[in-house]
Structure formats: structure tokens, C-alpha cells
Amino acid sequence: MPSSAPAVNPFAPPGPTASVPYAAHGEPVPPPPIAPGGPGPVPYGYPGSGGYGYPPGPGAAGYYGWPGMQAMPSNGMGTAGLVLGIISAVVFCLWPVAIVVGVLAVIFGAIGRGKARRGEATNPGQALAGIICGVAGVGLGLGMAALLIVAP
């Protein structure tokens, strides 16, 4: 039983009578079509998504950034305590400056130790060294003040 319609070769190049789905040279190209259900899952996921249709991982909900990523440690207070403690111990001859800077070193070192204890910082040793150097700077500054007051 022969068919009355002529057979069309699906691999033949489009002829001048066929509808051309492509834009001609110089014309803007339309965007690709989107599936009825949306563009589909993102292969590697955006921040907060599990990717490939999986639910987000732990720590992703309500957190800006990649899922499961920890916050950067805030080591500034322990480092500031150490720097101020070293400065107070070195410049003890300027006893008013050494006392003030040493007290600040003790305060910053104590705050840094508290942050390290809570897990917000990773430098408890620097904070402790800041406290020790700050106490030493205050002691040397007070000793220098006593020496200058008693000596004349």
C-alpha cells in the first residue's frame, strides 16, 4: 500500500521553501526556549541550594554564603592585645604610656580569650601572650614611675 504523500528526507538541508528556525545574518538571536517546568536544576548549585534537586545542606538556611561554610575567625582582639602588650613592655621608660597601653592590652587580650573560648577566634595563645605582656608592661611602668618618684 503506497503512501500518497512524498517521503521527506529529515537529514536534507533546508530549502528555500522550508521554514528556517535560525536568525539570518545580522539579525538578533532569540533566547533559547525554556521547558514548561523551568530551566531545570543547576548542576553545582547556587549558594544555599543543594544542586541537582537535593535539599540544602546543614547550615545553609538563613546563611549568606556557601552551604556548610564556617564564618571567618575574628582574631583581631587577641592580635591587638599581643601588639599592645609588646609595645607596653618595650616602652616602659615612658611609664604613663606603658601603663595605659598595658591596661588596653590586658582588656583586648581578655576579650580575645573570650572569643577563642566561644569558638569565634583561633588564637587563644596570642590573646594570653597579650595579657601576660600587658601585665608585664604595667608592672614595668609602675616600677619606673616608683623609681622616678623615689630617686630625686
N, C-alpha and C. Protein backbone atom coordinates (compact mmCIF):
# COMPACT_ATOMS: atom_id res chain seq x y z
N MET A 1 0.81 -1.16 0.00
CA MET A 1 0.00 0.00 0.00
C MET A 1 0.87 1.24 0.00
N PRO A 2 1.01 1.88 -1.13
CA PRO A 2 1.87 3.05 -1.22
C PRO A 2 1.20 4.26 -0.62
N SER A 3 2.03 5.12 -0.06
CA SER A 3 1.55 6.36 0.55
C SER A 3 1.43 7.44 -0.51
N SER A 4 0.41 8.27 -0.37
CA SER A 4 0.22 9.33 -1.36
C SER A 4 1.12 10.53 -1.10
N ALA A 5 1.62 10.71 0.16
CA ALA A 5 2.50 11.84 0.48
C ALA A 5 3.93 11.50 0.11
N PRO A 6 4.69 12.46 -0.43
CA PRO A 6 6.09 12.17 -0.77
C PRO A 6 6.93 12.05 0.51
N ALA A 7 7.92 11.19 0.47
CA ALA A 7 8.81 10.99 1.62
C ALA A 7 9.76 12.18 1.75
N VAL A 8 9.91 12.68 2.97
CA VAL A 8 10.79 13.81 3.23
C VAL A 8 12.05 13.30 3.93
N ASN A 9 13.16 13.70 3.40
CA ASN A 9 14.44 13.32 3.99
C ASN A 9 14.70 14.23 5.20
N PRO A 10 14.74 13.67 6.43
CA PRO A 10 14.96 14.53 7.61
C PRO A 10 16.38 15.08 7.68
N PHE A 11 17.34 14.51 6.95
CA PHE A 11 18.72 14.96 7.01
C PHE A 11 19.09 15.92 5.89
N ALA A 12 18.15 16.27 5.06
CA ALA A 12 18.42 17.18 3.94
C ALA A 12 18.49 18.62 4.47
N PRO A 13 19.36 19.45 3.89
CA PRO A 13 19.43 20.85 4.33
C PRO A 13 18.12 21.56 3.98
N PRO A 14 17.77 22.57 4.76
CA PRO A 14 16.52 23.26 4.50
C PRO A 14 16.59 23.99 3.17
N GLY A 15 15.53 23.88 2.44
CA GLY A 15 15.46 24.54 1.14
C GLY A 15 14.85 25.93 1.28
N PRO A 16 14.71 26.64 0.19
CA PRO A 16 14.16 27.98 0.26
C PRO A 16 12.69 28.00 0.67
N THR A 17 11.99 26.91 0.51
CA THR A 17 10.58 26.89 0.88
C THR A 17 10.37 26.45 2.32
N ALA A 18 11.37 25.83 2.95
CA ALA A 18 11.22 25.36 4.33
C ALA A 18 11.31 26.54 5.30
N SER A 19 10.63 26.41 6.42
CA SER A 19 10.71 27.48 7.44
C SER A 19 12.05 27.37 8.15
N VAL A 20 12.76 28.46 8.24
CA VAL A 20 14.10 28.49 8.81
C VAL A 20 13.99 28.89 10.29
N PRO A 21 14.37 28.01 11.23
CA PRO A 21 14.26 28.37 12.65
C PRO A 21 15.43 29.24 13.13
N TYR A 22 16.39 29.49 12.26
CA TYR A 22 17.56 30.26 12.65
C TYR A 22 17.43 31.70 12.19
N ALA A 23 18.09 32.62 12.92
CA ALA A 23 18.07 34.02 12.53
C ALA A 23 19.03 34.22 11.36
N ALA A 24 18.66 35.11 10.47
CA ALA A 24 19.54 35.42 9.34
C ALA A 24 20.72 36.23 9.83
N HIS A 25 21.71 36.35 9.00
CA HIS A 25 22.94 37.07 9.36
C HIS A 25 22.62 38.53 9.71
N GLY A 26 23.06 38.96 10.88
CA GLY A 26 22.87 40.34 11.30
C GLY A 26 21.62 40.57 12.12
N GLU A 27 20.71 39.62 12.19
CA GLU A 27 19.50 39.79 12.99
C GLU A 27 19.76 39.28 14.41
N PRO A 28 19.05 39.86 15.41
CA PRO A 28 19.26 39.38 16.79
C PRO A 28 18.76 37.95 16.95
N VAL A 29 19.46 37.21 17.79
CA VAL A 29 19.13 35.81 18.02
C VAL A 29 18.20 35.74 19.22
N PRO A 30 17.07 35.06 19.11
CA PRO A 30 16.17 34.95 20.27
C PRO A 30 16.76 34.03 21.33
N PRO A 31 16.33 34.19 22.58
CA PRO A 31 16.85 33.31 23.64
C PRO A 31 16.37 31.88 23.43
N PRO A 32 17.07 30.91 24.00
CA PRO A 32 16.64 29.52 23.84
C PRO A 32 15.33 29.28 24.58
N PRO A 33 14.57 28.31 24.14
CA PRO A 33 13.30 28.04 24.81
C PRO A 33 13.53 27.43 26.19
N ILE A 34 12.57 27.68 27.08
CA ILE A 34 12.64 27.15 28.44
C ILE A 34 11.58 26.07 28.58
N ALA A 35 11.92 25.02 29.27
CA ALA A 35 10.99 23.90 29.46
C ALA A 35 9.79 24.35 30.28
N PRO A 36 8.68 23.65 30.19
CA PRO A 36 7.49 24.06 30.95
C PRO A 36 7.71 24.08 32.46
N GLY A 37 8.57 23.23 32.97
CA GLY A 37 8.83 23.19 34.41
C GLY A 37 9.93 24.13 34.85
N GLY A 38 10.46 24.97 34.00
CA GLY A 38 11.55 25.87 34.35
C GLY A 38 12.85 25.43 33.72
N PRO A 39 13.94 26.11 34.03
CA PRO A 39 15.22 25.78 33.41
C PRO A 39 15.83 24.49 33.89
N GLY A 40 15.35 23.90 34.98
CA GLY A 40 15.91 22.65 35.47
C GLY A 40 16.89 22.89 36.60
N PRO A 41 17.41 21.83 37.20
CA PRO A 41 18.32 22.01 38.33
C PRO A 41 19.67 22.56 37.88
N VAL A 42 20.26 23.34 38.76
CA VAL A 42 21.58 23.90 38.49
C VAL A 42 22.61 22.82 38.81
N PRO A 43 23.57 22.55 37.93
CA PRO A 43 24.48 21.42 38.15
C PRO A 43 25.23 21.48 39.47
N TYR A 44 25.84 22.59 39.79
CA TYR A 44 26.63 22.67 41.01
C TYR A 44 25.96 23.51 42.07
N GLY A 45 24.86 24.12 41.77
CA GLY A 45 24.06 24.82 42.77
C GLY A 45 24.52 26.24 43.03
N TYR A 46 23.57 27.03 43.42
CA TYR A 46 23.84 28.38 43.89
C TYR A 46 24.03 28.33 45.40
N PRO A 47 24.55 29.42 45.99
CA PRO A 47 24.69 29.41 47.45
C PRO A 47 23.33 29.19 48.11
N GLY A 48 23.28 28.23 49.01
CA GLY A 48 22.05 27.94 49.71
C GLY A 48 21.23 26.85 49.08
N SER A 49 21.57 26.40 47.87
CA SER A 49 20.81 25.32 47.25
C SER A 49 21.64 24.05 47.29
N GLY A 50 20.96 22.92 47.26
CA GLY A 50 21.66 21.65 47.28
C GLY A 50 22.18 21.24 45.92
N GLY A 51 21.63 21.82 44.83
CA GLY A 51 22.03 21.43 43.49
C GLY A 51 21.48 20.05 43.14
N TYR A 52 21.23 19.79 41.90
CA TYR A 52 20.69 18.53 41.41
C TYR A 52 19.37 18.16 42.09
N GLY A 53 18.63 19.15 42.58
CA GLY A 53 17.34 18.88 43.17
C GLY A 53 17.40 18.41 44.62
N TYR A 54 18.58 18.32 45.21
CA TYR A 54 18.68 17.90 46.60
C TYR A 54 18.39 19.09 47.52
N PRO A 55 17.93 18.82 48.72
CA PRO A 55 17.69 19.94 49.65
C PRO A 55 19.01 20.55 50.10
N PRO A 56 18.99 21.78 50.59
CA PRO A 56 20.23 22.42 51.04
C PRO A 56 20.86 21.66 52.20
N GLY A 57 22.16 21.75 52.27
CA GLY A 57 22.89 21.09 53.34
C GLY A 57 22.73 21.80 54.67
N PRO A 58 23.32 21.25 55.74
CA PRO A 58 23.20 21.88 57.05
C PRO A 58 23.92 23.22 57.07
N GLY A 59 23.35 24.17 57.76
CA GLY A 59 23.95 25.49 57.86
C GLY A 59 23.66 26.39 56.69
N ALA A 60 22.83 25.93 55.73
CA ALA A 60 22.59 26.74 54.55
C ALA A 60 21.38 27.65 54.71
N ALA A 61 20.41 27.24 55.49
CA ALA A 61 19.18 28.02 55.61
C ALA A 61 19.45 29.29 56.40
N GLY A 62 19.15 30.43 55.83
CA GLY A 62 19.30 31.69 56.53
C GLY A 62 20.72 32.20 56.60
N TYR A 63 21.64 31.53 55.93
CA TYR A 63 23.04 31.95 55.99
C TYR A 63 23.45 32.40 54.61
N TYR A 64 24.07 33.57 54.52
CA TYR A 64 24.51 34.07 53.23
C TYR A 64 25.88 33.51 52.95
N GLY A 65 26.02 32.72 51.92
CA GLY A 65 27.31 32.13 51.55
C GLY A 65 27.09 30.70 51.11
N TRP A 66 28.16 29.98 50.97
CA TRP A 66 28.07 28.59 50.53
C TRP A 66 27.59 27.73 51.68
N PRO A 67 26.85 26.66 51.39
CA PRO A 67 26.32 25.82 52.45
C PRO A 67 27.43 25.15 53.24
N GLY A 68 27.28 25.14 54.53
CA GLY A 68 28.23 24.47 55.39
C GLY A 68 29.51 25.23 55.64
N MET A 69 29.65 26.41 55.08
CA MET A 69 30.88 27.18 55.25
C MET A 69 30.88 27.90 56.59
N GLN A 70 31.96 27.78 57.33
CA GLN A 70 32.07 28.44 58.63
C GLN A 70 32.44 29.90 58.45
N ALA A 71 32.09 30.72 59.43
CA ALA A 71 32.45 32.13 59.40
C ALA A 71 33.96 32.26 59.64
N MET A 72 34.53 33.30 59.08
CA MET A 72 35.96 33.55 59.28
C MET A 72 36.21 33.86 60.75
N PRO A 73 37.33 33.38 61.33
CA PRO A 73 37.61 33.69 62.73
C PRO A 73 37.95 35.17 62.90
N SER A 74 37.49 35.74 64.00
CA SER A 74 37.78 37.15 64.28
C SER A 74 38.91 37.19 65.30
N ASN A 75 40.13 37.18 64.80
CA ASN A 75 41.32 37.13 65.63
C ASN A 75 41.86 38.51 65.98
N GLY A 76 41.12 39.58 65.69
CA GLY A 76 41.63 40.93 65.86
C GLY A 76 41.91 41.31 67.29
N MET A 77 41.04 40.92 68.21
CA MET A 77 41.22 41.32 69.61
C MET A 77 42.46 40.67 70.23
N GLY A 78 42.66 39.38 69.98
CA GLY A 78 43.85 38.71 70.51
C GLY A 78 45.13 39.28 69.93
N THR A 79 45.11 39.57 68.62
CA THR A 79 46.29 40.16 67.98
C THR A 79 46.55 41.56 68.49
N ALA A 80 45.49 42.35 68.65
CA ALA A 80 45.66 43.71 69.18
C ALA A 80 46.19 43.66 70.61
N GLY A 81 45.71 42.71 71.41
CA GLY A 81 46.23 42.56 72.77
C GLY A 81 47.71 42.23 72.79
N LEU A 82 48.13 41.33 71.90
CA LEU A 82 49.55 40.96 71.84
C LEU A 82 50.41 42.15 71.40
N VAL A 83 49.98 42.87 70.38
CA VAL A 83 50.76 44.01 69.88
C VAL A 83 50.86 45.09 70.96
N LEU A 84 49.74 45.41 71.60
CA LEU A 84 49.77 46.43 72.64
C LEU A 84 50.58 45.97 73.85
N GLY A 85 50.51 44.69 74.18
CA GLY A 85 51.31 44.18 75.29
C GLY A 85 52.81 44.27 75.01
N ILE A 86 53.21 43.96 73.80
CA ILE A 86 54.63 44.08 73.44
C ILE A 86 55.07 45.54 73.48
N ILE A 87 54.23 46.42 72.96
CA ILE A 87 54.57 47.85 72.97
C ILE A 87 54.69 48.34 74.40
N SER A 88 53.77 47.95 75.29
CA SER A 88 53.83 48.42 76.67
C SER A 88 55.06 47.88 77.40
N ALA A 89 55.48 46.66 77.08
CA ALA A 89 56.66 46.11 77.73
C ALA A 89 57.94 46.74 77.19
N VAL A 90 57.93 47.17 75.94
CA VAL A 90 59.15 47.74 75.34
C VAL A 90 59.33 49.21 75.75
N VAL A 91 58.25 49.95 75.80
CA VAL A 91 58.36 51.40 76.09
C VAL A 91 58.06 51.70 77.56
N PHE A 92 58.52 50.83 78.46
CA PHE A 92 58.22 51.04 79.87
C PHE A 92 58.89 52.29 80.43
N CYS A 93 59.92 52.82 79.76
CA CYS A 93 60.55 54.06 80.22
C CYS A 93 59.58 55.24 80.10
N LEU A 94 58.69 55.20 79.15
CA LEU A 94 57.62 56.19 79.05
C LEU A 94 56.46 55.65 79.89
N TRP A 95 56.62 55.67 81.20
CA TRP A 95 55.73 54.95 82.10
C TRP A 95 54.25 55.32 81.98
N PRO A 96 53.85 56.58 81.72
CA PRO A 96 52.40 56.79 81.58
C PRO A 96 51.84 56.08 80.34
N VAL A 97 52.60 56.13 79.25
CA VAL A 97 52.16 55.45 78.02
C VAL A 97 52.15 53.94 78.23
N ALA A 98 53.17 53.41 78.91
CA ALA A 98 53.26 51.97 79.13
C ALA A 98 52.11 51.47 79.99
N ILE A 99 51.70 52.25 80.97
CA ILE A 99 50.60 51.82 81.84
C ILE A 99 49.28 51.80 81.07
N VAL A 100 49.01 52.87 80.33
CA VAL A 100 47.75 52.94 79.58
C VAL A 100 47.70 51.85 78.50
N VAL A 101 48.77 51.70 77.75
CA VAL A 101 48.80 50.70 76.68
C VAL A 101 48.76 49.29 77.27
N GLY A 102 49.40 49.09 78.42
CA GLY A 102 49.36 47.78 79.07
C GLY A 102 47.98 47.40 79.55
N VAL A 103 47.24 48.37 80.10
CA VAL A 103 45.86 48.10 80.52
C VAL A 103 45.00 47.76 79.30
N LEU A 104 45.17 48.49 78.20
CA LEU A 104 44.43 48.17 76.97
C LEU A 104 44.79 46.78 76.46
N ALA A 105 46.06 46.39 76.59
CA ALA A 105 46.49 45.06 76.16
C ALA A 105 45.80 43.98 76.98
N VAL A 106 45.68 44.21 78.29
CA VAL A 106 45.01 43.23 79.14
C VAL A 106 43.53 43.12 78.77
N ILE A 107 42.89 44.26 78.52
CA ILE A 107 41.47 44.25 78.15
C ILE A 107 41.25 43.55 76.82
N PHE A 108 42.03 43.93 75.80
CA PHE A 108 41.88 43.30 74.49
C PHE A 108 42.23 41.82 74.53
N GLY A 109 43.25 41.46 75.29
CA GLY A 109 43.61 40.05 75.43
C GLY A 109 42.52 39.24 76.09
N ALA A 110 41.86 39.82 77.11
CA ALA A 110 40.77 39.11 77.78
C ALA A 110 39.58 38.93 76.84
N ILE A 111 39.27 39.97 76.06
CA ILE A 111 38.18 39.84 75.08
C ILE A 111 38.54 38.78 74.03
N GLY A 112 39.80 38.77 73.58
CA GLY A 112 40.25 37.77 72.61
C GLY A 112 40.20 36.36 73.16
N ARG A 113 40.52 36.18 74.44
CA ARG A 113 40.42 34.86 75.07
C ARG A 113 38.97 34.40 75.14
N GLY A 114 38.07 35.35 75.43
CA GLY A 114 36.65 35.01 75.46
C GLY A 114 36.14 34.58 74.10
N LYS A 115 36.57 35.29 73.05
CA LYS A 115 36.16 34.90 71.69
C LYS A 115 36.72 33.52 71.33
N ALA A 116 37.95 33.24 71.74
CA ALA A 116 38.55 31.94 71.44
C ALA A 116 37.81 30.83 72.21
N ARG A 117 37.38 31.12 73.42
CA ARG A 117 36.66 30.14 74.21
C ARG A 117 35.29 29.82 73.59
N ARG A 118 34.66 30.84 72.98
CA ARG A 118 33.37 30.64 72.32
C ARG A 118 33.52 30.04 70.92
N GLY A 119 34.73 29.92 70.42
CA GLY A 119 34.96 29.36 69.09
C GLY A 119 34.91 30.39 67.98
N GLU A 120 34.87 31.67 68.30
CA GLU A 120 34.82 32.72 67.27
C GLU A 120 36.21 33.11 66.78
N ALA A 121 37.26 32.75 67.53
CA ALA A 121 38.64 33.09 67.17
C ALA A 121 39.49 31.84 67.28
N THR A 122 40.64 31.87 66.62
CA THR A 122 41.53 30.71 66.63
C THR A 122 42.90 31.02 67.22
N ASN A 123 43.00 32.11 67.99
CA ASN A 123 44.31 32.48 68.52
C ASN A 123 44.27 32.71 70.03
N PRO A 124 43.94 31.69 70.82
CA PRO A 124 43.93 31.91 72.27
C PRO A 124 45.33 32.13 72.84
N GLY A 125 46.34 31.57 72.18
CA GLY A 125 47.71 31.77 72.66
C GLY A 125 48.18 33.21 72.50
N GLN A 126 47.85 33.82 71.38
CA GLN A 126 48.21 35.23 71.18
C GLN A 126 47.50 36.11 72.19
N ALA A 127 46.24 35.83 72.47
CA ALA A 127 45.50 36.63 73.44
C ALA A 127 46.10 36.48 74.83
N LEU A 128 46.49 35.26 75.20
CA LEU A 128 47.12 35.04 76.51
C LEU A 128 48.47 35.74 76.58
N ALA A 129 49.24 35.68 75.51
CA ALA A 129 50.53 36.38 75.48
C ALA A 129 50.32 37.89 75.58
N GLY A 130 49.24 38.42 75.01
CA GLY A 130 48.92 39.83 75.13
C GLY A 130 48.61 40.21 76.57
N ILE A 131 47.86 39.33 77.25
CA ILE A 131 47.57 39.60 78.67
C ILE A 131 48.85 39.59 79.48
N ILE A 132 49.70 38.61 79.26
CA ILE A 132 50.95 38.50 80.03
C ILE A 132 51.87 39.69 79.76
N CYS A 133 52.04 40.04 78.47
CA CYS A 133 52.90 41.19 78.14
C CYS A 133 52.30 42.49 78.65
N GLY A 134 50.99 42.60 78.64
CA GLY A 134 50.34 43.80 79.16
C GLY A 134 50.54 43.96 80.65
N VAL A 135 50.40 42.86 81.39
CA VAL A 135 50.65 42.90 82.84
C VAL A 135 52.11 43.23 83.11
N ALA A 136 53.01 42.64 82.32
CA ALA A 136 54.44 42.95 82.49
C ALA A 136 54.71 44.41 82.17
N GLY A 137 54.09 44.96 81.13
CA GLY A 137 54.28 46.36 80.78
C GLY A 137 53.74 47.29 81.85
N VAL A 138 52.58 46.95 82.42
CA VAL A 138 52.03 47.77 83.52
C VAL A 138 52.95 47.70 84.73
N GLY A 139 53.44 46.50 85.04
CA GLY A 139 54.36 46.35 86.18
C GLY A 139 55.65 47.12 85.97
N LEU A 140 56.23 47.02 84.78
CA LEU A 140 57.46 47.77 84.50
C LEU A 140 57.20 49.28 84.52
N GLY A 141 56.04 49.71 84.00
CA GLY A 141 55.70 51.13 84.02
C GLY A 141 55.52 51.65 85.43
N LEU A 142 54.84 50.87 86.28
CA LEU A 142 54.68 51.28 87.68
C LEU A 142 56.02 51.27 88.42
N GLY A 143 56.87 50.29 88.10
CA GLY A 143 58.21 50.27 88.71
C GLY A 143 59.04 51.46 88.27
N MET A 144 58.94 51.84 87.01
CA MET A 144 59.67 53.01 86.52
C MET A 144 59.13 54.28 87.16
N ALA A 145 57.82 54.37 87.34
CA ALA A 145 57.23 55.55 88.00
C ALA A 145 57.68 55.63 89.44
N ALA A 146 57.70 54.48 90.13
CA ALA A 146 58.16 54.47 91.53
C ALA A 146 59.62 54.85 91.61
N LEU A 147 60.43 54.37 90.70
CA LEU A 147 61.85 54.69 90.68
C LEU A 147 62.08 56.18 90.45
N LEU A 148 61.31 56.77 89.56
CA LEU A 148 61.46 58.20 89.26
C LEU A 148 60.93 59.07 90.38
N ILE A 149 59.94 58.61 91.11
CA ILE A 149 59.39 59.41 92.22
C ILE A 149 60.28 59.31 93.45
N VAL A 150 60.82 58.15 93.75
CA VAL A 150 61.66 57.94 94.93
C VAL A 150 63.08 58.45 94.70
N ALA A 151 63.61 58.37 93.53
CA ALA A 151 65.02 58.68 93.25
C ALA A 151 65.37 60.15 93.45
N PRO A 152 64.56 61.14 93.08
CA PRO A 152 65.03 62.53 93.21
C PRO A 152 65.06 62.92 94.63
